[in-house]
Protein backbone atom coordinates (compact mmCIF):
# COMPACT_ATOMS: atom_id res chain seq x y z
CA UNK A 1 0.00 0.00 0.00
CA UNK A 2 2.60 2.52 -1.09
CA UNK A 3 -0.21 4.88 -2.12
CA UNK A 4 -1.06 5.60 1.53
CA UNK A 5 2.55 6.13 2.65
CA UNK A 6 3.26 9.22 0.60
CA UNK A 7 1.67 12.64 0.73
CA UNK A 8 -0.85 13.32 -2.02
CA UNK A 9 -0.51 16.39 -4.18
CA UNK A 10 -3.11 18.82 -2.71
CA UNK A 11 -4.25 19.97 -6.16
CA UNK A 12 -5.01 16.41 -7.27
CA UNK A 13 -6.63 15.52 -3.93
CA UNK A 14 -8.90 18.58 -4.00
CA UNK A 15 -9.83 17.97 -7.63
CA UNK A 16 -10.86 14.40 -6.81
CA UNK A 17 -12.81 15.59 -3.75
CA UNK A 18 -14.55 18.27 -5.84
CA UNK A 19 -15.61 15.80 -8.54
CA UNK A 20 -16.86 13.23 -6.02
CA UNK A 21 -18.62 15.97 -4.04
CA UNK A 22 -20.41 17.20 -7.17
CA UNK A 23 -21.77 13.68 -7.70
CA UNK A 24 -22.81 13.48 -4.03
CA UNK A 25 -24.58 16.84 -4.36
CA UNK A 26 -26.40 15.72 -7.52
CA UNK A 27 -27.50 12.42 -5.97
CA UNK A 28 -28.47 13.36 -2.40
CA UNK A 29 -28.39 17.16 -2.18
CA UNK A 30 -26.49 19.43 0.17
CA UNK A 31 -24.74 18.11 3.22
CA UNK A 32 -26.03 20.16 6.14
CA UNK A 33 -25.38 20.86 9.79
CA UNK A 34 -24.26 17.90 11.92
CA UNK A 35 -27.50 16.01 11.27
CA UNK A 36 -25.91 12.58 11.14
CA UNK A 37 -24.13 13.03 14.44
CA UNK A 38 -27.26 14.46 16.06
CA UNK A 39 -29.33 11.53 14.83
CA UNK A 40 -26.76 9.02 16.13
CA UNK A 41 -26.92 10.76 19.52
CA UNK A 42 -30.72 10.51 19.46
CA UNK A 43 -30.61 6.81 18.61
CA UNK A 44 -28.10 6.16 21.42
CA UNK A 45 -30.29 8.13 23.85
CA UNK A 46 -33.35 6.19 22.68
CA UNK A 47 -31.54 2.89 23.28
CA UNK A 48 -30.58 3.99 26.80
CA UNK A 49 -33.68 5.96 27.86
CA UNK A 50 -36.36 4.14 25.88
CA UNK A 51 -39.76 5.84 26.03
CA UNK A 52 -38.45 8.48 28.46
CA UNK A 53 -36.84 10.20 25.45
CA UNK A 54 -40.33 11.23 24.30
CA UNK A 55 -40.50 13.66 27.23
CA UNK A 56 -37.77 15.83 25.68
CA UNK A 57 -39.36 18.17 23.09
CA UNK A 58 -36.28 18.32 20.83
CA UNK A 59 -36.43 14.59 20.17
CA UNK A 60 -40.17 14.56 19.47
CA UNK A 61 -40.80 17.78 17.54
CA UNK A 62 -37.46 18.74 15.96
CA UNK A 63 -35.36 15.63 15.43
CA UNK A 64 -37.24 12.35 15.95
CA UNK A 65 -34.65 9.51 16.00
CA UNK A 66 -34.77 7.47 12.78
CA UNK A 67 -32.17 4.76 11.94
CA UNK A 68 -32.90 5.22 8.22
CA UNK A 69 -31.70 8.84 8.18
CA UNK A 70 -29.15 8.98 5.33
CA UNK A 71 -26.79 11.48 6.95
CA UNK A 72 -25.87 8.91 9.60
CA UNK A 73 -24.28 6.77 6.92
CA UNK A 74 -22.44 9.72 5.35
CA UNK A 75 -20.93 10.54 8.76
CA UNK A 76 -20.06 6.91 9.49
CA UNK A 77 -18.53 6.56 6.02
CA UNK A 78 -16.36 9.62 6.58
CA UNK A 79 -15.22 8.28 9.95
CA UNK A 80 -14.55 4.81 8.51
CA UNK A 81 -12.63 6.26 5.55
CA UNK A 82 -10.44 8.36 7.85
CA UNK A 83 -9.79 5.29 10.02
CA UNK A 84 -8.85 3.09 7.05
CA UNK A 85 -6.59 5.79 5.61
CA UNK A 86 -4.81 6.25 8.95
CA UNK A 87 -4.35 2.50 9.46
CA UNK A 88 -3.05 1.92 5.93
CA UNK A 89 -0.59 4.82 6.27
CA UNK A 90 0.58 3.36 9.59
CA UNK A 91 -0.29 6.64 11.31
CA UNK A 92 -2.98 5.27 13.63
CA UNK A 93 -2.28 5.06 17.35
CA UNK A 94 -4.63 4.50 20.28
CA UNK A 95 -3.89 6.91 23.09
CA UNK A 96 -5.96 7.27 26.22
CA UNK A 97 -5.76 10.38 28.39
CA UNK A 98 -3.87 9.61 31.59
CA UNK A 99 -5.06 12.46 33.78
CA UNK A 100 -8.51 13.60 34.81
CA UNK A 101 -7.69 17.11 33.58
CA UNK A 102 -7.25 15.76 30.03
CA UNK A 103 -10.67 14.08 30.18
CA UNK A 104 -12.22 17.33 31.41
CA UNK A 105 -10.61 19.34 28.58
CA UNK A 106 -11.72 16.77 25.98
CA UNK A 107 -15.29 16.87 27.30
CA UNK A 108 -15.44 20.67 27.39
CA UNK A 109 -13.96 20.90 23.89
CA UNK A 110 -16.48 18.42 22.50
CA UNK A 111 -19.39 20.23 24.12
CA UNK A 112 -18.19 23.61 22.80
CA UNK A 113 -17.86 22.16 19.29
CA UNK A 114 -21.37 20.72 19.48
CA UNK A 115 -22.90 23.97 20.70
CA UNK A 116 -20.92 25.91 18.09
CA UNK A 117 -22.27 23.75 15.27
CA UNK A 118 -25.84 24.34 16.41
CA UNK A 119 -25.47 28.07 17.16
CA UNK A 120 -23.67 28.89 13.91
CA UNK A 121 -25.93 26.45 12.03
CA UNK A 122 -22.86 25.24 10.18
CA UNK A 123 -19.77 23.13 10.69
CA UNK A 124 -16.48 23.22 8.83
CA UNK A 125 -16.97 19.84 7.16
CA UNK A 126 -20.44 20.61 5.84
CA UNK A 127 -19.25 24.03 4.71
CA UNK A 128 -16.38 22.47 2.79
CA UNK A 129 -18.51 19.79 1.17
CA UNK A 130 -21.41 22.18 0.63
CA UNK A 131 -19.36 24.85 -1.14
CA UNK A 132 -17.07 22.58 -3.17
CA UNK A 133 -19.75 21.70 -5.78
CA UNK A 134 -20.27 25.43 -6.26
CA UNK A 135 -16.50 25.81 -6.82
CA UNK A 136 -16.51 28.27 -3.90
CA UNK A 137 -13.84 27.77 -1.26
CA UNK A 138 -13.86 31.40 -0.06
């Protein structure tokens, strides 16, 4: 797997991403705000809380958990692709935080990212993949 051991030319990589993203846009439409991750969270909460989840208005009126929601599979595919690429390039390492302070910082950072996605109604990945078919990276 020599292909994964060397750095790709950014121009070629972005051209391939742009072409594939145009096809994705034509087939399924725009990739929007963290919907896949939100739906996965809802499904996990539903598995843990069961019917109690129905008491939370967000999960009944705004984002009812549905395992058939297509954005889940886009998000999982992106995660799986990144994992495979890292493993094949021999750049994948498991590292667990050793101190409680690291766990606290990781948790706070994740929460801030989640709130930021919802407040700004956009995330950097969806912006990149949403604007690439328009040939707009500005």
